[in-house]
C-alpha cells in the first residue's frame, strides 16, 4: 500500500540491511526491506566472521552454518606469524549461507521484503518518501557504491588513496589450517578461509586489476595447493574498496553497512563492523534520536578504522609493506594485540 506510513524503510537486503531490519522488528518497529535483486545475494567477501560478528549475530538470534576459525595467520615467504582469538571462536561462513540465515530470521520476524527499487528520496518534516513508500526513517544499506548516499548529499569526492579491488572464489579442498591465513605479496594479499569441512574460500585484494588466475600467480605456494582442487563457485569481484562519506545522517536518512563509508577489507572485519554499527543505528532510532547515530558510528568504528588505516598506510608504501609480516614475527605480542582488537 503506497500511502501506508512505516516506521523504517531499509533500502538494501545485504547483511547490514537485514540486520537493521531484524533489529528494528525486534524493537517493535514497523519495517519493510526494499531489495530489487531476487534470490540469495552473494558478494566478493573474505567470509571470515570475527568472534565479535558471531556474537552480534547471536544477539539477533541468527546462527549461520560454517566452519570454526581460531585465529589469524600472516605469511610471507618462509615467515609466518599466528595469533589465536582470545575472545571466542570466529566462523567461516559462505556469504550465501549468511544471507539465508538472516533472511529466514527476517521472515520469521514478519518483515516484508519488497522488490521495489528506491531511486528517489523526498524528505519532509515528519517523514521521508522513498519511491512509493513512506516512512519515518529511511536506512540506506545499498552497498559500497550507494546511489542513495549520493542522492542525499553524503557522498564525498575527496582525494583518496590508490584504489584496491577484491576477488573471491571457492575450492573443494580440506582446510589445512584452523584459522584465516593471509599471505602477503608485493602488491596484494590472499586470504584463505575455511567455510566447510571440505571447502575453502580464497579472496585476493590487490592494487593491480586482473583476473583471479593472474592474481594468483603472485602466490606460488597457494597456487600449488589449489592446482588440483575443483572450483565450486564462480569468481566474484568488488571495488574500488575505499568509499568516503561526509557523514552518516542526512535528515531522516541514515547510512548503514558499506554505504556508511569503507576503508578496506585488509583487516577482514567488515561484517563485524556492519553488524555492530547496525545495532547502534537501531538503538538511536528506538530512542527517537537519529542524529546521535553519526557519533555512535564514529565511536563504534574508531578502533577498526584506525587499525585498518594504519595497516593500509604501510601497505601503500612498498618499503614498509615488506616489513609488516617480519614485524609480526619479531614482535608476536604486538601482532596478537592487534588481532585481539579486531576480533573482540
C-alpha atoms as a PDB file:
ATOM      1  CA  UNK A   1       0.000   0.000   0.000  1.00  0.00           C
ATOM      2  CA  UNK A   2       1.787   3.155  -1.215  1.00  0.00           C
ATOM      3  CA  UNK A   3       0.268   5.515   1.404  1.00  0.00           C
ATOM      4  CA  UNK A   4       0.935   3.381   4.453  1.00  0.00           C
ATOM      5  CA  UNK A   5       3.330   5.023   6.907  1.00  0.00           C
ATOM      6  CA  UNK A   6       6.096   2.676   8.062  1.00  0.00           C
ATOM      7  CA  UNK A   7       8.482   3.372  10.876  1.00  0.00           C
ATOM      8  CA  UNK A   8      11.507   2.367   8.796  1.00  0.00           C
ATOM      9  CA  UNK A   9      12.202   1.540   5.168  1.00  0.00           C
ATOM     10  CA  UNK A  10      15.500  -0.282   4.641  1.00  0.00           C
ATOM     11  CA  UNK A  11      16.927   0.011   1.127  1.00  0.00           C
ATOM     12  CA  UNK A  12      19.187  -2.985   0.580  1.00  0.00           C
ATOM     13  CA  UNK A  13      18.868  -6.640   1.533  1.00  0.00           C
ATOM     14  CA  UNK A  14      22.502  -7.488   2.294  1.00  0.00           C
ATOM     15  CA  UNK A  15      23.745  -8.371   5.798  1.00  0.00           C
ATOM     16  CA  UNK A  16      23.720  -4.779   7.070  1.00  0.00           C
ATOM     17  CA  UNK A  17      20.225  -4.055   5.762  1.00  0.00           C
ATOM     18  CA  UNK A  18      18.783  -7.318   7.072  1.00  0.00           C
ATOM     19  CA  UNK A  19      20.463  -6.814  10.462  1.00  0.00           C
ATOM     20  CA  UNK A  20      18.941  -3.332  10.737  1.00  0.00           C
ATOM     21  CA  UNK A  21      15.517  -4.625   9.677  1.00  0.00           C
ATOM     22  CA  UNK A  22      15.655  -7.503  12.144  1.00  0.00           C
ATOM     23  CA  UNK A  23      16.786  -5.244  14.982  1.00  0.00           C
ATOM     24  CA  UNK A  24      14.020  -2.748  14.219  1.00  0.00           C
ATOM     25  CA  UNK A  25      11.393  -5.501  14.119  1.00  0.00           C
ATOM     26  CA  UNK A  26      12.617  -6.916  17.438  1.00  0.00           C
ATOM     27  CA  UNK A  27      12.312  -3.389  18.872  1.00  0.00           C
ATOM     28  CA  UNK A  28       8.645  -3.289  17.828  1.00  0.00           C
ATOM     29  CA  UNK A  29       9.015  -1.042  14.789  1.00  0.00           C
ATOM     30  CA  UNK A  30       7.100  -1.426  11.526  1.00  0.00           C
ATOM     31  CA  UNK A  31       9.828  -2.033   8.968  1.00  0.00           C
ATOM     32  CA  UNK A  32       9.987  -3.054   5.312  1.00  0.00           C
ATOM     33  CA  UNK A  33      13.048  -4.058   3.265  1.00  0.00           C
ATOM     34  CA  UNK A  34      13.440  -2.995  -0.366  1.00  0.00           C
ATOM     35  CA  UNK A  35      15.698  -5.269  -2.398  1.00  0.00           C
ATOM     36  CA  UNK A  36      15.400  -5.341  -6.184  1.00  0.00           C
ATOM     37  CA  UNK A  37      17.783  -8.288  -6.677  1.00  0.00           C
ATOM     38  CA  UNK A  38      15.903 -11.603  -6.494  1.00  0.00           C
ATOM     39  CA  UNK A  39      17.036 -14.702  -4.654  1.00  0.00           C
ATOM     40  CA  UNK A  40      20.037 -15.291  -2.430  1.00  0.00           C
ATOM     41  CA  UNK A  41      22.579 -12.478  -2.567  1.00  0.00           C
ATOM     42  CA  UNK A  42      26.292 -13.162  -2.935  1.00  0.00           C
ATOM     43  CA  UNK A  43      29.280 -10.833  -2.862  1.00  0.00           C
ATOM     44  CA  UNK A  44      33.070 -10.938  -3.082  1.00  0.00           C
ATOM     45  CA  UNK A  45      33.936 -11.301   0.582  1.00  0.00           C
ATOM     46  CA  UNK A  46      36.605 -12.957   2.710  1.00  0.00           C
ATOM     47  CA  UNK A  47      33.758 -14.672   4.638  1.00  0.00           C
ATOM     48  CA  UNK A  48      35.604 -14.884   7.944  1.00  0.00           C
ATOM     49  CA  UNK A  49      33.345 -13.782  10.802  1.00  0.00           C
ATOM     50  CA  UNK A  50      35.354 -12.450  13.731  1.00  0.00           C
ATOM     51  CA  UNK A  51      34.205 -13.561  17.218  1.00  0.00           C
ATOM     52  CA  UNK A  52      32.527 -10.164  17.649  1.00  0.00           C
ATOM     53  CA  UNK A  53      30.475 -10.735  14.500  1.00  0.00           C
ATOM     54  CA  UNK A  54      29.412 -14.189  15.708  1.00  0.00           C
ATOM     55  CA  UNK A  55      28.221 -12.629  18.973  1.00  0.00           C
ATOM     56  CA  UNK A  56      26.393  -9.813  17.155  1.00  0.00           C
ATOM     57  CA  UNK A  57      24.533 -12.356  15.035  1.00  0.00           C
ATOM     58  CA  UNK A  58      23.692 -14.418  18.138  1.00  0.00           C
ATOM     59  CA  UNK A  59      22.195 -11.301  19.739  1.00  0.00           C
ATOM     60  CA  UNK A  60      19.818 -11.153  16.764  1.00  0.00           C
ATOM     61  CA  UNK A  61      19.006 -14.850  17.092  1.00  0.00           C
ATOM     62  CA  UNK A  62      20.965 -15.776  13.954  1.00  0.00           C
ATOM     63  CA  UNK A  63      23.341 -18.765  13.868  1.00  0.00           C
ATOM     64  CA  UNK A  64      24.583 -19.422  10.313  1.00  0.00           C
ATOM     65  CA  UNK A  65      26.310 -22.712   9.486  1.00  0.00           C
ATOM     66  CA  UNK A  66      30.022 -22.610   8.795  1.00  0.00           C
ATOM     67  CA  UNK A  67      33.474 -23.716   9.912  1.00  0.00           C
ATOM     68  CA  UNK A  68      35.108 -22.602  13.190  1.00  0.00           C
ATOM     69  CA  UNK A  69      38.143 -20.346  12.830  1.00  0.00           C
ATOM     70  CA  UNK A  70      40.540 -19.980  15.734  1.00  0.00           C
ATOM     71  CA  UNK A  71      42.745 -17.064  14.730  1.00  0.00           C
ATOM     72  CA  UNK A  72      44.706 -15.233  12.050  1.00  0.00           C
ATOM     73  CA  UNK A  73      47.986 -16.192  10.413  1.00  0.00           C
ATOM     74  CA  UNK A  74      50.124 -13.793   8.358  1.00  0.00           C
ATOM     75  CA  UNK A  75      52.520 -15.362   5.844  1.00  0.00           C
ATOM     76  CA  UNK A  76      55.262 -14.010   3.624  1.00  0.00           C
ATOM     77  CA  UNK A  77      57.663 -16.473   2.028  1.00  0.00           C
ATOM     78  CA  UNK A  78      59.014 -18.736   4.782  1.00  0.00           C
ATOM     79  CA  UNK A  79      57.825 -16.373   7.538  1.00  0.00           C
ATOM     80  CA  UNK A  80      54.589 -16.989   9.452  1.00  0.00           C
ATOM     81  CA  UNK A  81      53.007 -15.297  12.465  1.00  0.00           C
ATOM     82  CA  UNK A  82      49.890 -16.712  14.129  1.00  0.00           C
ATOM     83  CA  UNK A  83      47.613 -15.025  16.663  1.00  0.00           C
ATOM     84  CA  UNK A  84      44.780 -17.059  18.211  1.00  0.00           C
ATOM     85  CA  UNK A  85      41.489 -15.403  19.094  1.00  0.00           C
ATOM     86  CA  UNK A  86      41.284 -14.660  22.819  1.00  0.00           C
ATOM     87  CA  UNK A  87      37.571 -13.863  22.955  1.00  0.00           C
ATOM     88  CA  UNK A  88      35.834 -16.885  21.489  1.00  0.00           C
ATOM     89  CA  UNK A  89      35.728 -18.626  18.156  1.00  0.00           C
ATOM     90  CA  UNK A  90      35.188 -16.984  14.803  1.00  0.00           C
ATOM     91  CA  UNK A  91      33.438 -18.686  11.923  1.00  0.00           C
ATOM     92  CA  UNK A  92      33.992 -19.052   8.203  1.00  0.00           C
ATOM     93  CA  UNK A  93      30.581 -18.657   6.580  1.00  0.00           C
ATOM     94  CA  UNK A  94      29.666 -18.678   2.912  1.00  0.00           C
ATOM     95  CA  UNK A  95      28.096 -15.325   2.098  1.00  0.00           C
ATOM     96  CA  UNK A  96      25.084 -17.113   0.591  1.00  0.00           C
ATOM     97  CA  UNK A  97      24.520 -19.065   3.816  1.00  0.00           C
ATOM     98  CA  UNK A  98      24.794 -15.888   5.874  1.00  0.00           C
ATOM     99  CA  UNK A  99      22.171 -14.308   3.634  1.00  0.00           C
ATOM    100  CA  UNK A 100      19.928 -17.368   4.007  1.00  0.00           C
ATOM    101  CA  UNK A 101      20.182 -17.285   7.796  1.00  0.00           C
ATOM    102  CA  UNK A 102      19.471 -13.549   8.055  1.00  0.00           C
ATOM    103  CA  UNK A 103      16.646 -13.755   5.504  1.00  0.00           C
ATOM    104  CA  UNK A 104      14.994 -16.592   7.419  1.00  0.00           C
ATOM    105  CA  UNK A 105      15.214 -14.607  10.669  1.00  0.00           C
ATOM    106  CA  UNK A 106      13.685 -11.572   8.944  1.00  0.00           C
ATOM    107  CA  UNK A 107      10.913 -13.743   7.531  1.00  0.00           C
ATOM    108  CA  UNK A 108      10.165 -15.222  10.964  1.00  0.00           C
ATOM    109  CA  UNK A 109      10.016 -11.695  12.393  1.00  0.00           C
ATOM    110  CA  UNK A 110       7.285 -10.862   9.864  1.00  0.00           C
ATOM    111  CA  UNK A 111       9.294  -8.232   7.973  1.00  0.00           C
ATOM    112  CA  UNK A 112       8.122  -7.887   4.358  1.00  0.00           C
ATOM    113  CA  UNK A 113      10.753  -7.772   1.615  1.00  0.00           C
ATOM    114  CA  UNK A 114       9.686  -5.782  -1.437  1.00  0.00           C
ATOM    115  CA  UNK A 115      11.251  -5.764  -4.893  1.00  0.00           C
ATOM    116  CA  UNK A 116      10.596  -2.022  -5.018  1.00  0.00           C
ATOM    117  CA  UNK A 117      13.681  -0.071  -6.044  1.00  0.00           C
ATOM    118  CA  UNK A 118      14.417   3.166  -4.181  1.00  0.00           C
ATOM    119  CA  UNK A 119      15.550   5.531  -6.925  1.00  0.00           C
ATOM    120  CA  UNK A 120      14.320   8.827  -5.494  1.00  0.00           C
ATOM    121  CA  UNK A 121      14.125  10.267  -1.982  1.00  0.00           C
ATOM    122  CA  UNK A 122      11.989  13.171  -0.767  1.00  0.00           C
ATOM    123  CA  UNK A 123      12.220  14.398   2.820  1.00  0.00           C
ATOM    124  CA  UNK A 124       9.521  16.177   4.838  1.00  0.00           C
ATOM    125  CA  UNK A 125       9.270  17.413   8.422  1.00  0.00           C
ATOM    126  CA  UNK A 126       7.819  14.177   9.787  1.00  0.00           C
ATOM    127  CA  UNK A 127       8.615  11.519   7.199  1.00  0.00           C
ATOM    128  CA  UNK A 128      10.588  10.551   4.134  1.00  0.00           C
ATOM    129  CA  UNK A 129       9.240   9.226   0.844  1.00  0.00           C
ATOM    130  CA  UNK A 130      11.390   6.504  -0.702  1.00  0.00           C
ATOM    131  CA  UNK A 131       9.926   5.872  -4.121  1.00  0.00           C
ATOM    132  CA  UNK A 132       6.316   4.846  -3.491  1.00  0.00           C
ATOM    133  CA  UNK A 133       6.914   4.084   0.202  1.00  0.00           C
ATOM    134  CA  UNK A 134       6.583   6.440   3.163  1.00  0.00           C
ATOM    135  CA  UNK A 135       8.335   6.045   6.488  1.00  0.00           C
ATOM    136  CA  UNK A 136       9.551   7.984   9.478  1.00  0.00           C
ATOM    137  CA  UNK A 137      13.096   6.995   8.504  1.00  0.00           C
ATOM    138  CA  UNK A 138      14.950   5.564   5.522  1.00  0.00           C
ATOM    139  CA  UNK A 139      18.033   3.406   6.096  1.00  0.00           C
ATOM    140  CA  UNK A 140      20.302   3.212   3.051  1.00  0.00           C
ATOM    141  CA  UNK A 141      22.108  -0.124   3.160  1.00  0.00           C
ATOM    142  CA  UNK A 142      22.567  -0.222  -0.595  1.00  0.00           C
ATOM    143  CA  UNK A 143      26.218  -1.141  -0.705  1.00  0.00           C
ATOM    144  CA  UNK A 144      29.702   0.117  -1.440  1.00  0.00           C
ATOM    145  CA  UNK A 145      28.609   2.361  -4.314  1.00  0.00           C
ATOM    146  CA  UNK A 146      25.371   3.530  -2.684  1.00  0.00           C
ATOM    147  CA  UNK A 147      23.163   5.605  -5.010  1.00  0.00           C
ATOM    148  CA  UNK A 148      21.118   6.869  -2.047  1.00  0.00           C
ATOM    149  CA  UNK A 149      24.258   8.192  -0.360  1.00  0.00           C
ATOM    150  CA  UNK A 150      24.769  10.481  -3.343  1.00  0.00           C
ATOM    151  CA  UNK A 151      21.068  11.355  -3.612  1.00  0.00           C
ATOM    152  CA  UNK A 152      21.072  12.825  -0.081  1.00  0.00           C
ATOM    153  CA  UNK A 153      24.449  14.556  -0.442  1.00  0.00           C
ATOM    154  CA  UNK A 154      26.554  12.359   1.854  1.00  0.00           C
ATOM    155  CA  UNK A 155      28.965  11.106  -0.799  1.00  0.00           C
ATOM    156  CA  UNK A 156      32.465  12.529  -0.857  1.00  0.00           C
ATOM    157  CA  UNK A 157      34.622  13.187  -3.893  1.00  0.00           C
ATOM    158  CA  UNK A 158      37.703  13.973  -1.833  1.00  0.00           C
ATOM    159  CA  UNK A 159      41.186  12.730  -2.589  1.00  0.00           C
ATOM    160  CA  UNK A 160      41.621   9.043  -1.870  1.00  0.00           C
ATOM    161  CA  UNK A 161      44.479   6.543  -1.753  1.00  0.00           C
ATOM    162  CA  UNK A 162      45.348   4.207  -4.612  1.00  0.00           C
ATOM    163  CA  UNK A 163      42.246   2.158  -5.435  1.00  0.00           C
ATOM    164  CA  UNK A 164      42.092  -1.502  -4.457  1.00  0.00           C
ATOM    165  CA  UNK A 165      39.883  -4.346  -5.677  1.00  0.00           C
ATOM    166  CA  UNK A 166      38.847  -7.736  -4.335  1.00  0.00           C
ATOM    167  CA  UNK A 167      38.211 -11.114  -5.994  1.00  0.00           C
ATOM    168  CA  UNK A 168      36.891 -14.321  -4.397  1.00  0.00           C
ATOM    169  CA  UNK A 169      36.410 -17.960  -5.361  1.00  0.00           C
ATOM    170  CA  UNK A 170      35.759 -21.250  -3.517  1.00  0.00           C
ATOM    171  CA  UNK A 171      37.555 -24.564  -3.928  1.00  0.00           C
ATOM    172  CA  UNK A 172      36.679 -28.123  -2.895  1.00  0.00           C
ATOM    173  CA  UNK A 173      39.609 -28.679  -0.577  1.00  0.00           C
ATOM    174  CA  UNK A 174      40.039 -29.822   3.018  1.00  0.00           C
ATOM    175  CA  UNK A 175      41.170 -26.803   5.079  1.00  0.00           C
ATOM    176  CA  UNK A 176      44.836 -27.105   6.080  1.00  0.00           C
ATOM    177  CA  UNK A 177      44.535 -24.518   8.846  1.00  0.00           C
ATOM    178  CA  UNK A 178      42.121 -23.844  11.678  1.00  0.00           C
ATOM    179  CA  UNK A 179      42.093 -20.111  11.038  1.00  0.00           C
ATOM    180  CA  UNK A 180      42.274 -17.489   8.329  1.00  0.00           C
ATOM    181  CA  UNK A 181      45.607 -17.404   6.502  1.00  0.00           C
ATOM    182  CA  UNK A 182      46.704 -14.125   4.937  1.00  0.00           C
ATOM    183  CA  UNK A 183      49.637 -14.329   2.536  1.00  0.00           C
ATOM    184  CA  UNK A 184      51.344 -11.080   1.624  1.00  0.00           C
ATOM    185  CA  UNK A 185      52.794 -10.407  -1.842  1.00  0.00           C
ATOM    186  CA  UNK A 186      54.366  -7.121  -3.029  1.00  0.00           C
ATOM    187  CA  UNK A 187      51.066  -5.571  -4.191  1.00  0.00           C
ATOM    188  CA  UNK A 188      48.340  -7.920  -2.965  1.00  0.00           C
ATOM    189  CA  UNK A 189      47.163 -10.216  -0.197  1.00  0.00           C
ATOM    190  CA  UNK A 190      45.467 -13.621  -0.429  1.00  0.00           C
ATOM    191  CA  UNK A 191      43.008 -14.683   2.281  1.00  0.00           C
ATOM    192  CA  UNK A 192      42.175 -18.364   2.735  1.00  0.00           C
ATOM    193  CA  UNK A 193      39.159 -19.053   4.946  1.00  0.00           C
ATOM    194  CA  UNK A 194      37.725 -22.482   5.828  1.00  0.00           C
ATOM    195  CA  UNK A 195      33.961 -22.277   5.233  1.00  0.00           C
ATOM    196  CA  UNK A 196      33.115 -26.008   5.438  1.00  0.00           C
ATOM    197  CA  UNK A 197      34.965 -29.261   6.235  1.00  0.00           C
ATOM    198  CA  UNK A 198      35.672 -29.658   2.522  1.00  0.00           C
ATOM    199  CA  UNK A 199      35.630 -26.103   1.137  1.00  0.00           C
ATOM    200  CA  UNK A 200      37.927 -23.091   1.431  1.00  0.00           C
ATOM    201  CA  UNK A 201      37.276 -19.585   0.201  1.00  0.00           C
ATOM    202  CA  UNK A 202      40.141 -17.692  -1.418  1.00  0.00           C
ATOM    203  CA  UNK A 203      39.921 -13.900  -1.599  1.00  0.00           C
ATOM    204  CA  UNK A 204      42.594 -11.720  -3.185  1.00  0.00           C
ATOM    205  CA  UNK A 205      42.899  -7.995  -2.518  1.00  0.00           C
ATOM    206  CA  UNK A 206      45.113  -6.008  -4.836  1.00  0.00           C
ATOM    207  CA  UNK A 207      46.012  -2.552  -6.082  1.00  0.00           C
ATOM    208  CA  UNK A 208      46.503  -4.091  -9.530  1.00  0.00           C
ATOM    209  CA  UNK A 209      43.500  -5.057 -11.609  1.00  0.00           C
ATOM    210  CA  UNK A 210      43.447  -8.502 -13.201  1.00  0.00           C
ATOM    211  CA  UNK A 211      41.639 -11.828 -13.330  1.00  0.00           C
ATOM    212  CA  UNK A 212      41.687 -14.332 -10.476  1.00  0.00           C
ATOM    213  CA  UNK A 213      44.130 -16.696 -12.207  1.00  0.00           C
ATOM    214  CA  UNK A 214      46.515 -13.846 -12.990  1.00  0.00           C
ATOM    215  CA  UNK A 215      46.334 -12.523  -9.437  1.00  0.00           C
ATOM    216  CA  UNK A 216      47.017 -15.986  -8.028  1.00  0.00           C
ATOM    217  CA  UNK A 217      50.444 -16.082  -9.716  1.00  0.00           C
ATOM    218  CA  UNK A 218      51.688 -13.667  -7.025  1.00  0.00           C
ATOM    219  CA  UNK A 219      51.208 -16.535  -4.518  1.00  0.00           C
ATOM    220  CA  UNK A 220      53.066 -19.568  -5.933  1.00  0.00           C
ATOM    221  CA  UNK A 221      52.714 -21.775  -2.837  1.00  0.00           C
ATOM    222  CA  UNK A 222      48.973 -21.135  -2.622  1.00  0.00           C
ATOM    223  CA  UNK A 223      48.600 -21.641  -6.375  1.00  0.00           C
ATOM    224  CA  UNK A 224      50.323 -25.039  -5.998  1.00  0.00           C
ATOM    225  CA  UNK A 225      47.892 -26.047  -3.239  1.00  0.00           C
ATOM    226  CA  UNK A 226      44.923 -25.088  -5.398  1.00  0.00           C
ATOM    227  CA  UNK A 227      46.271 -26.592  -8.622  1.00  0.00           C
ATOM    228  CA  UNK A 228      44.337 -29.869  -8.351  1.00  0.00           C
ATOM    229  CA  UNK A 229      41.329 -28.522  -6.473  1.00  0.00           C
ATOM    230  CA  UNK A 230      37.926 -28.195  -8.111  1.00  0.00           C
ATOM    231  CA  UNK A 231      36.443 -24.667  -8.122  1.00  0.00           C
ATOM    232  CA  UNK A 232      32.958 -24.759  -6.610  1.00  0.00           C
ATOM    233  CA  UNK A 233      31.945 -21.152  -7.245  1.00  0.00           C
ATOM    234  CA  UNK A 234      32.421 -18.539  -9.898  1.00  0.00           C
ATOM    235  CA  UNK A 235      34.771 -15.601  -9.427  1.00  0.00           C
ATOM    236  CA  UNK A 236      33.189 -12.540  -7.860  1.00  0.00           C
ATOM    237  CA  UNK A 237      34.750  -9.097  -7.680  1.00  0.00           C
ATOM    238  CA  UNK A 238      34.282  -5.839  -5.787  1.00  0.00           C
ATOM    239  CA  UNK A 239      35.843  -2.387  -5.819  1.00  0.00           C
ATOM    240  CA  UNK A 240      37.198   0.152  -5.711  1.00  0.00           C
ATOM    241  CA  UNK A 241      37.033  -0.559  -1.990  1.00  0.00           C
ATOM    242  CA  UNK A 242      37.715   2.853  -0.429  1.00  0.00           C
ATOM    243  CA  UNK A 243      34.500   4.894  -0.062  1.00  0.00           C
ATOM    244  CA  UNK A 244      34.424   8.200   1.795  1.00  0.00           C
ATOM    245  CA  UNK A 245      31.363   9.933   3.181  1.00  0.00           C
ATOM    246  CA  UNK A 246      30.734  13.346   4.707  1.00  0.00           C
ATOM    247  CA  UNK A 247      28.502  11.800   7.393  1.00  0.00           C
ATOM    248  CA  UNK A 248      26.037   9.030   8.100  1.00  0.00           C
ATOM    249  CA  UNK A 249      22.856  11.058   8.688  1.00  0.00           C
ATOM    250  CA  UNK A 250      21.005  13.446   6.384  1.00  0.00           C
ATOM    251  CA  UNK A 251      17.710  14.437   7.949  1.00  0.00           C
ATOM    252  CA  UNK A 252      15.647  11.251   8.137  1.00  0.00           C
ATOM    253  CA  UNK A 253      18.039   9.196   6.029  1.00  0.00           C
ATOM    254  CA  UNK A 254      20.728   7.098   7.718  1.00  0.00           C
ATOM    255  CA  UNK A 255      23.534   5.111   6.066  1.00  0.00           C
ATOM    256  CA  UNK A 256      24.362   1.549   7.124  1.00  0.00           C
ATOM    257  CA  UNK A 257      26.933  -1.073   6.191  1.00  0.00           C
ATOM    258  CA  UNK A 258      29.335  -0.338   3.350  1.00  0.00           C
ATOM    259  CA  UNK A 259      27.192   2.641   2.304  1.00  0.00           C
ATOM    260  CA  UNK A 260      28.213   4.401   5.539  1.00  0.00           C
ATOM    261  CA  UNK A 261      31.854   4.545   4.436  1.00  0.00           C
ATOM    262  CA  UNK A 262      34.521   1.921   3.853  1.00  0.00           C
ATOM    263  CA  UNK A 263      38.281   1.880   4.283  1.00  0.00           C
ATOM    264  CA  UNK A 264      39.488  -1.518   3.057  1.00  0.00           C
ATOM    265  CA  UNK A 265      38.965  -5.248   3.557  1.00  0.00           C
ATOM    266  CA  UNK A 266      42.575  -5.625   4.700  1.00  0.00           C
ATOM    267  CA  UNK A 267      41.754  -6.428   8.327  1.00  0.00           C
ATOM    268  CA  UNK A 268      38.781  -8.673   7.497  1.00  0.00           C
ATOM    269  CA  UNK A 269      36.265  -7.227   9.929  1.00  0.00           C
ATOM    270  CA  UNK A 270      33.839  -5.514   7.562  1.00  0.00           C
ATOM    271  CA  UNK A 271      30.926  -7.762   8.516  1.00  0.00           C
ATOM    272  CA  UNK A 272      31.593  -7.341  12.234  1.00  0.00           C
ATOM    273  CA  UNK A 273      31.614  -3.575  11.822  1.00  0.00           C
ATOM    274  CA  UNK A 274      28.398  -3.621   9.761  1.00  0.00           C
ATOM    275  CA  UNK A 275      26.629  -5.668  12.421  1.00  0.00           C
ATOM    276  CA  UNK A 276      27.796  -3.660  15.436  1.00  0.00           C
ATOM    277  CA  UNK A 277      27.011  -0.306  13.812  1.00  0.00           C
ATOM    278  CA  UNK A 278      23.625  -1.670  12.692  1.00  0.00           C
ATOM    279  CA  UNK A 279      22.848  -2.302  16.345  1.00  0.00           C
ATOM    280  CA  UNK A 280      23.808   1.304  17.155  1.00  0.00           C
ATOM    281  CA  UNK A 281      21.545   2.573  14.383  1.00  0.00           C
ATOM    282  CA  UNK A 282      18.600   0.610  15.769  1.00  0.00           C
ATOM    283  CA  UNK A 283      19.311   1.902  19.274  1.00  0.00           C
ATOM    284  CA  UNK A 284      19.275   5.506  18.054  1.00  0.00           C
ATOM    285  CA  UNK A 285      16.012   5.042  16.139  1.00  0.00           C
ATOM    286  CA  UNK A 286      14.398   3.302  19.084  1.00  0.00           C
ATOM    287  CA  UNK A 287      15.350   6.258  21.295  1.00  0.00           C
ATOM    288  CA  UNK A 288      13.961   8.699  18.729  1.00  0.00           C
ATOM    289  CA  UNK A 289      17.402  10.289  18.362  1.00  0.00           C
ATOM    290  CA  UNK A 290      18.552   9.531  14.802  1.00  0.00           C
ATOM    291  CA  UNK A 291      21.067  12.388  14.817  1.00  0.00           C
ATOM    292  CA  UNK A 292      23.010  10.540  17.531  1.00  0.00           C
ATOM    293  CA  UNK A 293      23.810   7.745  15.082  1.00  0.00           C
ATOM    294  CA  UNK A 294      26.636   9.611  13.371  1.00  0.00           C
ATOM    295  CA  UNK A 295      28.570   9.979  16.638  1.00  0.00           C
ATOM    296  CA  UNK A 296      27.720   6.411  17.596  1.00  0.00           C
ATOM    297  CA  UNK A 297      29.036   5.145  14.243  1.00  0.00           C
ATOM    298  CA  UNK A 298      32.271   7.105  14.641  1.00  0.00           C
ATOM    299  CA  UNK A 299      32.759   5.827  18.189  1.00  0.00           C
ATOM    300  CA  UNK A 300      31.925   2.199  17.401  1.00  0.00           C
ATOM    301  CA  UNK A 301      34.094   2.056  14.280  1.00  0.00           C
ATOM    302  CA  UNK A 302      37.058   4.092  15.585  1.00  0.00           C
ATOM    303  CA  UNK A 303      39.267   1.169  16.604  1.00  0.00           C
ATOM    304  CA  UNK A 304      38.633  -0.696  13.343  1.00  0.00           C
ATOM    305  CA  UNK A 305      39.188   2.365  11.170  1.00  0.00           C
ATOM    306  CA  UNK A 306      42.415   3.290  12.944  1.00  0.00           C
ATOM    307  CA  UNK A 307      43.907  -0.184  12.641  1.00  0.00           C
ATOM    308  CA  UNK A 308      42.827  -0.567   9.014  1.00  0.00           C
ATOM    309  CA  UNK A 309      44.051   2.902   8.040  1.00  0.00           C
ATOM    310  CA  UNK A 310      47.410   2.257   9.722  1.00  0.00           C
ATOM    311  CA  UNK A 311      47.928  -1.094   8.017  1.00  0.00           C
ATOM    312  CA  UNK A 312      46.785   0.274   4.663  1.00  0.00           C
ATOM    313  CA  UNK A 313      49.134   3.240   5.016  1.00  0.00           C
ATOM    314  CA  UNK A 314      52.036   0.810   5.439  1.00  0.00           C
ATOM    315  CA  UNK A 315      50.764  -1.405   2.630  1.00  0.00           C
ATOM    316  CA  UNK A 316      50.750   1.548   0.215  1.00  0.00           C
ATOM    317  CA  UNK A 317      54.444   2.167   0.893  1.00  0.00           C
ATOM    318  CA  UNK A 318      56.407  -0.767  -0.588  1.00  0.00           C
ATOM    319  CA  UNK A 319      59.372  -0.427   1.758  1.00  0.00           C
ATOM    320  CA  UNK A 320      57.069  -0.565   4.787  1.00  0.00           C
ATOM    321  CA  UNK A 321      54.686  -3.132   3.319  1.00  0.00           C
ATOM    322  CA  UNK A 322      57.524  -5.644   3.089  1.00  0.00           C
ATOM    323  CA  UNK A 323      58.115  -5.262   6.832  1.00  0.00           C
ATOM    324  CA  UNK A 324      54.586  -5.996   8.094  1.00  0.00           C
ATOM    325  CA  UNK A 325      54.895  -9.784   8.320  1.00  0.00           C
ATOM    326  CA  UNK A 326      58.536  -9.724   9.563  1.00  0.00           C
ATOM    327  CA  UNK A 327      57.421  -7.303  12.293  1.00  0.00           C
ATOM    328  CA  UNK A 328      54.555  -9.631  13.270  1.00  0.00           C
ATOM    329  CA  UNK A 329      57.061 -12.483  13.546  1.00  0.00           C
ATOM    330  CA  UNK A 330      59.594 -10.480  15.568  1.00  0.00           C
ATOM    331  CA  UNK A 331      57.037  -8.880  17.905  1.00  0.00           C
ATOM    332  CA  UNK A 332      54.348 -11.552  18.295  1.00  0.00           C
ATOM    333  CA  UNK A 333      52.711  -9.872  21.291  1.00  0.00           C
ATOM    334  CA  UNK A 334      52.003  -6.763  19.206  1.00  0.00           C
ATOM    335  CA  UNK A 335      50.501  -8.832  16.391  1.00  0.00           C
ATOM    336  CA  UNK A 336      48.400 -10.747  18.919  1.00  0.00           C
ATOM    337  CA  UNK A 337      47.197  -7.491  20.490  1.00  0.00           C
ATOM    338  CA  UNK A 338      46.179  -6.082  17.082  1.00  0.00           C
ATOM    339  CA  UNK A 339      44.255  -9.275  16.213  1.00  0.00           C
ATOM    340  CA  UNK A 340      42.530  -9.148  19.614  1.00  0.00           C
ATOM    341  CA  UNK A 341      41.434  -5.560  18.986  1.00  0.00           C
ATOM    342  CA  UNK A 342      39.941  -6.583  15.648  1.00  0.00           C
ATOM    343  CA  UNK A 343      38.314  -9.751  16.938  1.00  0.00           C
ATOM    344  CA  UNK A 344      36.555  -8.560  20.067  1.00  0.00           C
END
